[in-house]
PDB file of N, CA and C in Angstrom:
ATOM      1  N   MET A   1       0.835  -1.156   0.000  1.00  0.00           N
ATOM      2  CA  MET A   1       0.000   0.000   0.000  1.00  0.00           C
ATOM      3  C   MET A   1       0.896   1.241   0.000  1.00  0.00           C
ATOM      4  N   THR A   2       0.652   2.136  -0.898  1.00  0.00           N
ATOM      5  CA  THR A   2       1.419   3.376  -0.957  1.00  0.00           C
ATOM      6  C   THR A   2       0.640   4.504  -0.301  1.00  0.00           C
ATOM      7  N   ALA A   3       1.380   5.374   0.366  1.00  0.00           N
ATOM      8  CA  ALA A   3       0.750   6.523   1.011  1.00  0.00           C
ATOM      9  C   ALA A   3       0.460   7.590  -0.039  1.00  0.00           C
ATOM     10  N   THR A   4      -0.610   8.325   0.183  1.00  0.00           N
ATOM     11  CA  THR A   4      -0.939   9.400  -0.746  1.00  0.00           C
ATOM     12  C   THR A   4       0.002  10.575  -0.498  1.00  0.00           C
ATOM     13  N   PRO A   5       0.383  11.288  -1.544  1.00  0.00           N
ATOM     14  CA  PRO A   5       1.283  12.415  -1.344  1.00  0.00           C
ATOM     15  C   PRO A   5       0.581  13.521  -0.542  1.00  0.00           C
ATOM     16  N   PRO A   6       1.358  14.311   0.225  1.00  0.00           N
ATOM     17  CA  PRO A   6       0.725  15.326   1.066  1.00  0.00           C
ATOM     18  C   PRO A   6       0.179  16.508   0.266  1.00  0.00           C
ATOM     19  N   ASP A   7       0.700  16.765  -0.919  1.00  0.00           N
ATOM     20  CA  ASP A   7       0.240  17.891  -1.723  1.00  0.00           C
ATOM     21  C   ASP A   7      -0.953  17.472  -2.578  1.00  0.00           C
ATOM     22  N   PRO A   8      -1.852  18.397  -2.871  1.00  0.00           N
ATOM     23  CA  PRO A   8      -3.003  18.061  -3.716  1.00  0.00           C
ATOM     24  C   PRO A   8      -2.561  17.753  -5.153  1.00  0.00           C
ATOM     25  N   ASP A   9      -3.364  16.958  -5.828  1.00  0.00           N
ATOM     26  CA  ASP A   9      -3.056  16.595  -7.213  1.00  0.00           C
ATOM     27  C   ASP A   9      -3.260  17.818  -8.108  1.00  0.00           C
ATOM     28  N   PRO A  10      -2.215  18.281  -8.808  1.00  0.00           N
ATOM     29  CA  PRO A  10      -2.354  19.469  -9.648  1.00  0.00           C
ATOM     30  C   PRO A  10      -3.369  19.300 -10.771  1.00  0.00           C
ATOM     31  N   GLN A  11      -3.604  18.073 -11.218  1.00  0.00           N
ATOM     32  CA  GLN A  11      -4.543  17.835 -12.320  1.00  0.00           C
ATOM     33  C   GLN A  11      -5.990  18.049 -11.870  1.00  0.00           C
ATOM     34  N   ARG A  12      -6.266  17.840 -10.573  1.00  0.00           N
ATOM     35  CA  ARG A  12      -7.637  17.953 -10.084  1.00  0.00           C
ATOM     36  C   ARG A  12      -7.861  19.166  -9.191  1.00  0.00           C
ATOM     37  N   THR A  13      -6.868  20.022  -9.032  1.00  0.00           N
ATOM     38  CA  THR A  13      -7.007  21.193  -8.163  1.00  0.00           C
ATOM     39  C   THR A  13      -7.472  22.386  -8.991  1.00  0.00           C
ATOM     40  N   PRO A  14      -8.608  22.971  -8.651  1.00  0.00           N
ATOM     41  CA  PRO A  14      -9.090  24.115  -9.426  1.00  0.00           C
ATOM     42  C   PRO A  14      -8.230  25.356  -9.144  1.00  0.00           C
ATOM     43  N   GLY A  15      -8.080  26.201 -10.144  1.00  0.00           N
ATOM     44  CA  GLY A  15      -7.376  27.458  -9.980  1.00  0.00           C
ATOM     45  C   GLY A  15      -5.898  27.405 -10.286  1.00  0.00           C
ATOM     46  N   LEU A  16      -5.376  26.215 -10.627  1.00  0.00           N
ATOM     47  CA  LEU A  16      -3.957  26.119 -10.957  1.00  0.00           C
ATOM     48  C   LEU A  16      -3.746  26.308 -12.444  1.00  0.00           C
ATOM     49  N   GLU A  17      -2.702  27.028 -12.792  1.00  0.00           N
ATOM     50  CA  GLU A  17      -2.323  27.186 -14.196  1.00  0.00           C
ATOM     51  C   GLU A  17      -1.407  26.038 -14.583  1.00  0.00           C
ATOM     52  N   PRO A  18      -1.174  25.851 -15.869  1.00  0.00           N
ATOM     53  CA  PRO A  18      -0.223  24.807 -16.275  1.00  0.00           C
ATOM     54  C   PRO A  18       1.141  25.069 -15.625  1.00  0.00           C
ATOM     55  N   GLY A  19       1.757  24.032 -15.114  1.00  0.00           N
ATOM     56  CA  GLY A  19       3.029  24.167 -14.429  1.00  0.00           C
ATOM     57  C   GLY A  19       2.870  24.277 -12.926  1.00  0.00           C
ATOM     58  N   GLY A  20       1.642  24.363 -12.436  1.00  0.00           N
ATOM     59  CA  GLY A  20       1.393  24.364 -11.002  1.00  0.00           C
ATOM     60  C   GLY A  20       1.279  25.728 -10.369  1.00  0.00           C
ATOM     61  N   GLY A  21       1.387  26.816 -11.120  1.00  0.00           N
ATOM     62  CA  GLY A  21       1.259  28.152 -10.542  1.00  0.00           C
ATOM     63  C   GLY A  21      -0.184  28.533 -10.310  1.00  0.00           C
ATOM     64  N   VAL A  22      -0.398  29.621  -9.627  1.00  0.00           N
ATOM     65  CA  VAL A  22      -1.754  30.118  -9.396  1.00  0.00           C
ATOM     66  C   VAL A  22      -1.915  31.479 -10.054  1.00  0.00           C
ATOM     67  N   ARG A  23      -3.152  31.819 -10.350  1.00  0.00           N
ATOM     68  CA  ARG A  23      -3.420  33.116 -10.963  1.00  0.00           C
ATOM     69  C   ARG A  23      -3.176  34.222  -9.938  1.00  0.00           C
ATOM     70  N   PRO A  24      -2.803  35.415 -10.394  1.00  0.00           N
ATOM     71  CA  PRO A  24      -2.585  36.512  -9.445  1.00  0.00           C
ATOM     72  C   PRO A  24      -3.843  36.769  -8.624  1.00  0.00           C
ATOM     73  N   GLY A  25      -3.679  36.900  -7.321  1.00  0.00           N
ATOM     74  CA  GLY A  25      -4.805  37.134  -6.426  1.00  0.00           C
ATOM     75  C   GLY A  25      -5.391  35.872  -5.838  1.00  0.00           C
ATOM     76  N   ASP A  26      -5.080  34.708  -6.404  1.00  0.00           N
ATOM     77  CA  ASP A  26      -5.579  33.448  -5.856  1.00  0.00           C
ATOM     78  C   ASP A  26      -4.676  32.973  -4.720  1.00  0.00           C
ATOM     79  N   THR A  27      -5.257  32.201  -3.848  1.00  0.00           N
ATOM     80  CA  THR A  27      -4.486  31.586  -2.773  1.00  0.00           C
ATOM     81  C   THR A  27      -4.103  30.187  -3.218  1.00  0.00           C
ATOM     82  N   PRO A  28      -2.821  29.823  -3.102  1.00  0.00           N
ATOM     83  CA  PRO A  28      -2.437  28.468  -3.498  1.00  0.00           C
ATOM     84  C   PRO A  28      -3.103  27.419  -2.606  1.00  0.00           C
ATOM     85  N   PRO A  29      -3.289  26.209  -3.113  1.00  0.00           N
ATOM     86  CA  PRO A  29      -3.921  25.164  -2.303  1.00  0.00           C
ATOM     87  C   PRO A  29      -3.049  24.803  -1.112  1.00  0.00           C
ATOM     88  N   GLU A  30      -3.698  24.378  -0.067  1.00  0.00           N
ATOM     89  CA  GLU A  30      -2.980  24.038   1.154  1.00  0.00           C
ATOM     90  C   GLU A  30      -2.305  22.691   1.010  1.00  0.00           C
ATOM     91  N   SER A  31      -1.082  22.580   1.516  1.00  0.00           N
ATOM     92  CA  SER A  31      -0.371  21.310   1.518  1.00  0.00           C
ATOM     93  C   SER A  31      -0.692  20.557   2.786  1.00  0.00           C
ATOM     94  N   GLY A  32      -0.479  19.255   2.759  1.00  0.00           N
ATOM     95  CA  GLY A  32      -0.653  18.464   3.961  1.00  0.00           C
ATOM     96  C   GLY A  32       0.432  18.813   4.956  1.00  0.00           C
ATOM     97  N   GLN A  33       0.159  18.583   6.215  1.00  0.00           N
ATOM     98  CA  GLN A  33       1.145  18.890   7.238  1.00  0.00           C
ATOM     99  C   GLN A  33       1.049  17.874   8.357  1.00  0.00           C
ATOM    100  N   THR A  34       2.108  17.792   9.109  1.00  0.00           N
ATOM    101  CA  THR A  34       2.121  16.935  10.273  1.00  0.00           C
ATOM    102  C   THR A  34       2.031  17.833  11.487  1.00  0.00           C
ATOM    103  N   SER A  35       1.065  17.590  12.342  1.00  0.00           N
ATOM    104  CA  SER A  35       0.937  18.414  13.534  1.00  0.00           C
ATOM    105  C   SER A  35       1.368  17.617  14.746  1.00  0.00           C
ATOM    106  N   GLY A  36       1.662  18.314  15.793  1.00  0.00           N
ATOM    107  CA  GLY A  36       2.074  17.669  17.028  1.00  0.00           C
ATOM    108  C   GLY A  36       3.574  17.739  17.205  1.00  0.00           C
ATOM    109  N   LEU A  37       4.023  17.223  18.329  1.00  0.00           N
ATOM    110  CA  LEU A  37       5.440  17.253  18.668  1.00  0.00           C
ATOM    111  C   LEU A  37       6.119  15.979  18.213  1.00  0.00           C
ATOM    112  N   SER A  38       7.393  16.092  17.890  1.00  0.00           N
ATOM    113  CA  SER A  38       8.139  14.917  17.484  1.00  0.00           C
ATOM    114  C   SER A  38       8.678  14.163  18.687  1.00  0.00           C
ATOM    115  N   HIS A  39       8.762  14.812  19.845  1.00  0.00           N
ATOM    116  CA  HIS A  39       9.230  14.168  21.062  1.00  0.00           C
ATOM    117  C   HIS A  39       8.550  14.817  22.261  1.00  0.00           C
ATOM    118  N   HIS A  40       8.643  14.183  23.385  1.00  0.00           N
ATOM    119  CA  HIS A  40       7.994  14.703  24.584  1.00  0.00           C
ATOM    120  C   HIS A  40       8.751  15.913  25.097  1.00  0.00           C
ATOM    121  N   GLU A  41       8.014  16.907  25.545  1.00  0.00           N
ATOM    122  CA  GLU A  41       8.613  18.095  26.146  1.00  0.00           C
ATOM    123  C   GLU A  41       9.004  17.769  27.586  1.00  0.00           C
ATOM    124  N   PRO A  42      10.188  18.221  28.026  1.00  0.00           N
ATOM    125  CA  PRO A  42      10.557  17.959  29.419  1.00  0.00           C
ATOM    126  C   PRO A  42       9.703  18.793  30.371  1.00  0.00           C
ATOM    127  N   LYS A  43       9.444  18.238  31.549  1.00  0.00           N
ATOM    128  CA  LYS A  43       8.659  18.956  32.549  1.00  0.00           C
ATOM    129  C   LYS A  43       9.509  20.066  33.152  1.00  0.00           C
ATOM    130  N   PRO A  44       8.925  21.214  33.434  1.00  0.00           N
ATOM    131  CA  PRO A  44       9.685  22.267  34.103  1.00  0.00           C
ATOM    132  C   PRO A  44      10.008  21.849  35.532  1.00  0.00           C
ATOM    133  N   PRO A  45      11.082  22.402  36.104  1.00  0.00           N
ATOM    134  CA  PRO A  45      11.421  22.013  37.472  1.00  0.00           C
ATOM    135  C   PRO A  45      10.325  22.405  38.455  1.00  0.00           C
ATOM    136  N   GLY A  46      10.181  21.614  39.490  1.00  0.00           N
ATOM    137  CA  GLY A  46       9.139  21.866  40.483  1.00  0.00           C
ATOM    138  C   GLY A  46       9.521  22.995  41.432  1.00  0.00           C
ATOM    139  N   ARG A  47       8.618  23.307  42.332  1.00  0.00           N
ATOM    140  CA  ARG A  47       8.846  24.393  43.292  1.00  0.00           C
ATOM    141  C   ARG A  47       9.991  24.047  44.232  1.00  0.00           C
ATOM    142  N   ALA A  48      10.112  22.783  44.611  1.00  0.00           N
ATOM    143  CA  ALA A  48      11.169  22.382  45.547  1.00  0.00           C
ATOM    144  C   ALA A  48      12.537  22.586  44.906  1.00  0.00           C
ATOM    145  N   THR A  49      12.668  22.199  43.646  1.00  0.00           N
ATOM    146  CA  THR A  49      13.942  22.362  42.942  1.00  0.00           C
ATOM    147  C   THR A  49      14.302  23.833  42.819  1.00  0.00           C
ATOM    148  N   THR A  50      13.345  24.664  42.509  1.00  0.00           N
ATOM    149  CA  THR A  50      13.598  26.093  42.392  1.00  0.00           C
ATOM    150  C   THR A  50      14.025  26.670  43.731  1.00  0.00           C
ATOM    151  N   GLY A  51      13.369  26.265  44.808  1.00  0.00           N
ATOM    152  CA  GLY A  51      13.732  26.739  46.142  1.00  0.00           C
ATOM    153  C   GLY A  51      15.134  26.315  46.542  1.00  0.00           C
ATOM    154  N   ILE A  52      15.503  25.086  46.223  1.00  0.00           N
ATOM    155  CA  ILE A  52      16.842  24.586  46.550  1.00  0.00           C
ATOM    156  C   ILE A  52      17.904  25.385  45.802  1.00  0.00           C
ATOM    157  N   VAL A  53      17.686  25.639  44.530  1.00  0.00           N
ATOM    158  CA  VAL A  53      18.651  26.396  43.734  1.00  0.00           C
ATOM    159  C   VAL A  53      18.797  27.822  44.273  1.00  0.00           C
ATOM    160  N   ILE A  54      17.691  28.467  44.585  1.00  0.00           N
ATOM    161  CA  ILE A  54      17.747  29.827  45.135  1.00  0.00           C
ATOM    162  C   ILE A  54      18.453  29.804  46.491  1.00  0.00           C
ATOM    163  N   GLY A  55      18.191  28.808  47.305  1.00  0.00           N
ATOM    164  CA  GLY A  55      18.862  28.677  48.603  1.00  0.00           C
ATOM    165  C   GLY A  55      20.367  28.534  48.457  1.00  0.00           C
ATOM    166  N   ILE A  56      20.815  27.719  47.523  1.00  0.00           N
ATOM    167  CA  ILE A  56      22.249  27.543  47.283  1.00  0.00           C
ATOM    168  C   ILE A  56      22.879  28.859  46.838  1.00  0.00           C
ATOM    169  N   ILE A  57      22.206  29.594  45.968  1.00  0.00           N
ATOM    170  CA  ILE A  57      22.732  30.876  45.506  1.00  0.00           C
ATOM    171  C   ILE A  57      22.851  31.857  46.671  1.00  0.00           C
ATOM    172  N   VAL A  58      21.847  31.898  47.540  1.00  0.00           N
ATOM    173  CA  VAL A  58      21.886  32.805  48.704  1.00  0.00           C
ATOM    174  C   VAL A  58      23.031  32.424  49.638  1.00  0.00           C
ATOM    175  N   VAL A  59      23.209  31.127  49.910  1.00  0.00           N
ATOM    176  CA  VAL A  59      24.287  30.678  50.798  1.00  0.00           C
ATOM    177  C   VAL A  59      25.645  31.064  50.225  1.00  0.00           C
ATOM    178  N   VAL A  60      25.851  30.855  48.945  1.00  0.00           N
ATOM    179  CA  VAL A  60      27.130  31.213  48.320  1.00  0.00           C
ATOM    180  C   VAL A  60      27.341  32.724  48.392  1.00  0.00           C
ATOM    181  N   ALA A  61      26.300  33.506  48.149  1.00  0.00           N
ATOM    182  CA  ALA A  61      26.433  34.964  48.208  1.00  0.00           C
ATOM    183  C   ALA A  61      26.779  35.421  49.629  1.00  0.00           C
ATOM    184  N   VAL A  62      26.162  34.823  50.650  1.00  0.00           N
ATOM    185  CA  VAL A  62      26.471  35.180  52.039  1.00  0.00           C
ATOM    186  C   VAL A  62      27.908  34.795  52.380  1.00  0.00           C
ATOM    187  N   LEU A  63      28.366  33.638  51.936  1.00  0.00           N
ATOM    188  CA  LEU A  63      29.743  33.224  52.198  1.00  0.00           C
ATOM    189  C   LEU A  63      30.755  34.165  51.534  1.00  0.00           C
ATOM    190  N   VAL A  64      30.469  34.587  50.314  1.00  0.00           N
ATOM    191  CA  VAL A  64      31.365  35.523  49.621  1.00  0.00           C
ATOM    192  C   VAL A  64      31.377  36.864  50.345  1.00  0.00           C
ATOM    193  N   ALA A  65      30.213  37.345  50.768  1.00  0.00           N
ATOM    194  CA  ALA A  65      30.151  38.611  51.503  1.00  0.00           C
ATOM    195  C   ALA A  65      30.898  38.495  52.829  1.00  0.00           C
ATOM    196  N   ALA A  66      30.748  37.371  53.530  1.00  0.00           N
ATOM    197  CA  ALA A  66      31.457  37.162  54.793  1.00  0.00           C
ATOM    198  C   ALA A  66      32.964  37.137  54.565  1.00  0.00           C
ATOM    199  N   MET A  67      33.404  36.531  53.495  1.00  0.00           N
ATOM    200  CA  MET A  67      34.838  36.496  53.184  1.00  0.00           C
ATOM    201  C   MET A  67      35.379  37.912  52.996  1.00  0.00           C
ATOM    202  N   PHE A  68      34.647  38.763  52.265  1.00  0.00           N
ATOM    203  CA  PHE A  68      35.090  40.135  52.054  1.00  0.00           C
ATOM    204  C   PHE A  68      35.087  40.928  53.359  1.00  0.00           C
ATOM    205  N   LEU A  69      34.099  40.706  54.212  1.00  0.00           N
ATOM    206  CA  LEU A  69      34.062  41.412  55.505  1.00  0.00           C
ATOM    207  C   LEU A  69      35.234  41.002  56.398  1.00  0.00           C
ATOM    208  N   VAL A  70      35.517  39.707  56.440  1.00  0.00           N
ATOM    209  CA  VAL A  70      36.643  39.225  57.256  1.00  0.00           C
ATOM    210  C   VAL A  70      37.948  39.816  56.740  1.00  0.00           C
ATOM    211  N   GLN A  71      38.146  39.849  55.442  1.00  0.00           N
ATOM    212  CA  GLN A  71      39.356  40.419  54.870  1.00  0.00           C
ATOM    213  C   GLN A  71      39.447  41.908  55.178  1.00  0.00           C
ATOM    214  N   ALA A  72      38.335  42.620  55.127  1.00  0.00           N
ATOM    215  CA  ALA A  72      38.339  44.060  55.396  1.00  0.00           C
ATOM    216  C   ALA A  72      38.721  44.330  56.851  1.00  0.00           C
ATOM    217  N   PHE A  73      38.221  43.533  57.801  1.00  0.00           N
ATOM    218  CA  PHE A  73      38.562  43.735  59.214  1.00  0.00           C
ATOM    219  C   PHE A  73      39.985  43.294  59.522  1.00  0.00           C
ATOM    220  N   LEU A  74      40.516  42.316  58.814  1.00  0.00           N
ATOM    221  CA  LEU A  74      41.898  41.870  59.057  1.00  0.00           C
ATOM    222  C   LEU A  74      42.911  42.866  58.511  1.00  0.00           C
ATOM    223  N   LEU A  75      42.564  43.623  57.498  1.00  0.00           N
ATOM    224  CA  LEU A  75      43.477  44.587  56.915  1.00  0.00           C
ATOM    225  C   LEU A  75      43.521  45.888  57.693  1.00  0.00           C
ATOM    226  N   VAL A  76      42.568  46.122  58.554  1.00  0.00           N
ATOM    227  CA  VAL A  76      42.514  47.396  59.305  1.00  0.00           C
ATOM    228  C   VAL A  76      43.490  47.421  60.410  1.00  0.00           C
TER     229      VAL A  76
END
């Protein structure tokens, strides 16, 4: 069994000129298309994951700030 081509048959499509073109002002016939996704979309991270990442960033920022404060007091 052969699959039908996705484009309409030019011999049976009204409004086409010889060679497959359309008259000025006409809309060309619609081609077949494949809809949907080719693969599953990944799920976005949950609230817990987002909270953990933000927490790690805050901890690192506090540690860096503490390091600069300690250095500033040791140099005085």
